[in-house]
């Protein structure tokens, strides 16, 4: 899985502010357009784990790396 590329020299404060804004926009869009929502996979703590390919598929979709 590829991680997003951050601008060189970006301060932690700027990065944090940008990540919070991107998360806010993502959540607002999900609430506004329920027809495009997708279920976040969940497993009760201690009850198992996700297969690696499922985790990779989920995060690549969330992070837009697929």
N, C-alpha and C. Protein backbone atom coordinates (compact mmCIF):
# COMPACT_ATOMS: atom_id res chain seq x y z
N UNK A 1 0.85 -1.17 0.00
CA UNK A 1 0.00 0.00 0.00
C UNK A 1 0.90 1.23 0.00
N UNK A 2 0.61 2.16 -0.89
CA UNK A 2 1.37 3.41 -0.95
C UNK A 2 0.75 4.42 0.01
N UNK A 3 1.60 5.15 0.70
CA UNK A 3 1.13 6.21 1.57
C UNK A 3 1.10 7.51 0.78
N UNK A 4 0.22 8.43 1.17
CA UNK A 4 0.17 9.71 0.46
C UNK A 4 1.50 10.45 0.58
N UNK A 5 1.81 11.24 -0.43
CA UNK A 5 3.05 12.02 -0.43
C UNK A 5 2.75 13.39 0.17
N UNK A 6 3.58 13.81 1.13
CA UNK A 6 3.40 15.10 1.76
C UNK A 6 4.45 16.07 1.25
N UNK A 7 4.08 17.32 1.08
CA UNK A 7 5.03 18.32 0.61
C UNK A 7 6.25 18.41 1.53
N UNK A 8 7.42 18.54 0.95
CA UNK A 8 8.65 18.69 1.73
C UNK A 8 8.57 20.00 2.50
N UNK A 9 8.94 19.94 3.77
CA UNK A 9 8.97 21.15 4.58
C UNK A 9 7.63 21.52 5.20
N UNK A 10 6.60 20.71 4.98
CA UNK A 10 5.30 21.01 5.58
C UNK A 10 5.39 20.79 7.09
N UNK A 11 4.97 21.76 7.86
CA UNK A 11 5.06 21.64 9.32
C UNK A 11 3.99 20.68 9.83
N UNK A 12 4.23 20.15 11.03
CA UNK A 12 3.25 19.24 11.63
C UNK A 12 1.90 19.93 11.80
N UNK A 13 1.91 21.19 12.20
CA UNK A 13 0.66 21.93 12.39
C UNK A 13 -0.11 22.04 11.08
N UNK A 14 0.59 22.35 10.00
CA UNK A 14 -0.05 22.47 8.69
C UNK A 14 -0.57 21.12 8.22
N UNK A 15 0.24 20.08 8.38
CA UNK A 15 -0.16 18.73 8.00
C UNK A 15 -1.39 18.30 8.78
N UNK A 16 -1.37 18.52 10.09
CA UNK A 16 -2.50 18.13 10.94
C UNK A 16 -3.76 18.87 10.53
N UNK A 17 -3.65 20.18 10.28
CA UNK A 17 -4.80 20.98 9.88
C UNK A 17 -5.37 20.47 8.55
N UNK A 18 -4.47 20.14 7.61
CA UNK A 18 -4.90 19.64 6.31
C UNK A 18 -5.59 18.28 6.44
N UNK A 19 -5.02 17.39 7.26
CA UNK A 19 -5.63 16.06 7.44
C UNK A 19 -7.01 16.17 8.08
N UNK A 20 -7.15 17.06 9.07
CA UNK A 20 -8.45 17.25 9.71
C UNK A 20 -9.47 17.79 8.72
N UNK A 21 -9.05 18.74 7.87
CA UNK A 21 -9.98 19.30 6.87
C UNK A 21 -10.39 18.25 5.86
N UNK A 22 -9.43 17.43 5.39
CA UNK A 22 -9.75 16.38 4.43
C UNK A 22 -10.72 15.36 5.04
N UNK A 23 -10.52 15.04 6.31
CA UNK A 23 -11.43 14.11 7.01
C UNK A 23 -12.81 14.73 7.13
N UNK A 24 -12.86 16.00 7.47
CA UNK A 24 -14.14 16.71 7.60
C UNK A 24 -14.90 16.68 6.28
N UNK A 25 -14.21 16.98 5.18
CA UNK A 25 -14.84 16.98 3.86
C UNK A 25 -15.35 15.57 3.51
N UNK A 26 -14.53 14.56 3.79
CA UNK A 26 -14.92 13.17 3.52
C UNK A 26 -16.19 12.80 4.29
N UNK A 27 -16.24 13.14 5.58
CA UNK A 27 -17.42 12.81 6.38
C UNK A 27 -18.65 13.60 5.94
N UNK A 28 -18.47 14.88 5.64
CA UNK A 28 -19.60 15.69 5.15
C UNK A 28 -20.17 15.11 3.86
N UNK A 29 -19.29 14.71 2.95
CA UNK A 29 -19.73 14.13 1.68
C UNK A 29 -20.48 12.82 1.92
N UNK A 30 -19.97 12.01 2.83
CA UNK A 30 -20.63 10.76 3.14
C UNK A 30 -22.02 10.97 3.73
N UNK A 31 -22.17 11.98 4.56
CA UNK A 31 -23.48 12.27 5.14
C UNK A 31 -24.43 12.89 4.12
N UNK A 32 -23.89 13.69 3.22
CA UNK A 32 -24.72 14.36 2.21
C UNK A 32 -25.16 13.39 1.12
N UNK A 33 -24.30 12.44 0.76
CA UNK A 33 -24.60 11.54 -0.36
C UNK A 33 -24.61 10.09 0.14
N UNK A 34 -25.66 9.75 0.82
CA UNK A 34 -25.76 8.41 1.41
C UNK A 34 -25.79 7.30 0.36
N UNK A 35 -26.12 7.64 -0.88
CA UNK A 35 -26.16 6.63 -1.94
C UNK A 35 -24.76 6.13 -2.31
N UNK A 36 -23.73 6.89 -1.95
CA UNK A 36 -22.37 6.49 -2.31
C UNK A 36 -21.58 5.97 -1.10
N UNK A 37 -22.25 5.85 0.04
CA UNK A 37 -21.53 5.40 1.23
C UNK A 37 -21.11 3.94 1.12
N UNK A 38 -20.12 3.57 1.86
CA UNK A 38 -19.72 2.18 1.95
C UNK A 38 -19.48 1.85 3.42
N UNK A 39 -19.69 0.61 3.75
CA UNK A 39 -19.58 0.16 5.13
C UNK A 39 -18.11 0.00 5.52
N UNK A 40 -17.77 0.53 6.67
CA UNK A 40 -16.42 0.35 7.20
C UNK A 40 -16.38 -1.02 7.87
N UNK A 41 -15.49 -1.90 7.40
CA UNK A 41 -15.44 -3.23 8.00
C UNK A 41 -15.08 -3.15 9.49
N UNK A 42 -15.70 -4.02 10.28
CA UNK A 42 -15.44 -4.02 11.73
C UNK A 42 -15.43 -5.44 12.26
N UNK A 43 -14.57 -5.69 13.21
CA UNK A 43 -14.51 -6.96 13.92
C UNK A 43 -14.38 -6.62 15.40
N UNK A 44 -15.17 -7.29 16.22
CA UNK A 44 -15.10 -7.05 17.66
C UNK A 44 -13.67 -7.31 18.16
N UNK A 45 -13.18 -6.44 19.02
CA UNK A 45 -11.82 -6.57 19.55
C UNK A 45 -11.64 -7.96 20.17
N UNK A 46 -10.58 -8.63 19.78
CA UNK A 46 -10.26 -9.94 20.32
C UNK A 46 -11.00 -11.08 19.64
N UNK A 47 -11.88 -10.76 18.68
CA UNK A 47 -12.69 -11.80 18.03
C UNK A 47 -12.10 -12.27 16.71
N UNK A 48 -10.99 -11.71 16.27
CA UNK A 48 -10.41 -12.13 15.00
C UNK A 48 -9.62 -11.00 14.39
N UNK A 49 -9.32 -11.17 13.11
CA UNK A 49 -8.57 -10.14 12.39
C UNK A 49 -8.99 -10.16 10.92
N UNK A 50 -8.65 -9.10 10.22
CA UNK A 50 -8.97 -9.00 8.81
C UNK A 50 -7.88 -9.67 7.97
N UNK A 51 -8.28 -10.29 6.87
CA UNK A 51 -7.26 -10.77 5.94
C UNK A 51 -6.49 -9.56 5.39
N UNK A 52 -5.21 -9.73 5.13
CA UNK A 52 -4.37 -8.62 4.66
C UNK A 52 -4.91 -8.00 3.38
N UNK A 53 -5.45 -8.82 2.46
CA UNK A 53 -5.94 -8.25 1.19
C UNK A 53 -7.19 -7.39 1.39
N UNK A 54 -8.02 -7.72 2.39
CA UNK A 54 -9.20 -6.90 2.67
C UNK A 54 -8.76 -5.55 3.23
N UNK A 55 -7.83 -5.57 4.17
CA UNK A 55 -7.34 -4.32 4.74
C UNK A 55 -6.70 -3.45 3.66
N UNK A 56 -5.91 -4.05 2.78
CA UNK A 56 -5.26 -3.29 1.72
C UNK A 56 -6.30 -2.71 0.76
N UNK A 57 -7.31 -3.49 0.40
CA UNK A 57 -8.36 -3.00 -0.50
C UNK A 57 -9.13 -1.85 0.13
N UNK A 58 -9.47 -1.99 1.42
CA UNK A 58 -10.22 -0.94 2.10
C UNK A 58 -9.41 0.36 2.16
N UNK A 59 -8.17 0.28 2.64
CA UNK A 59 -7.38 1.50 2.81
C UNK A 59 -6.99 2.12 1.48
N UNK A 60 -6.79 1.32 0.44
CA UNK A 60 -6.47 1.92 -0.85
C UNK A 60 -7.66 2.71 -1.38
N UNK A 61 -8.88 2.22 -1.09
CA UNK A 61 -10.07 2.97 -1.50
C UNK A 61 -10.22 4.25 -0.67
N UNK A 62 -10.03 4.14 0.64
CA UNK A 62 -10.16 5.31 1.51
C UNK A 62 -9.11 6.36 1.18
N UNK A 63 -7.88 5.91 0.97
CA UNK A 63 -6.78 6.85 0.72
C UNK A 63 -6.65 7.24 -0.75
N UNK A 64 -7.47 6.61 -1.61
CA UNK A 64 -7.43 6.95 -3.02
C UNK A 64 -6.17 6.52 -3.73
N UNK A 65 -5.58 5.38 -3.30
CA UNK A 65 -4.34 4.91 -3.89
C UNK A 65 -4.55 3.76 -4.86
N UNK A 66 -5.80 3.37 -5.07
CA UNK A 66 -6.04 2.24 -5.99
C UNK A 66 -6.38 2.75 -7.37
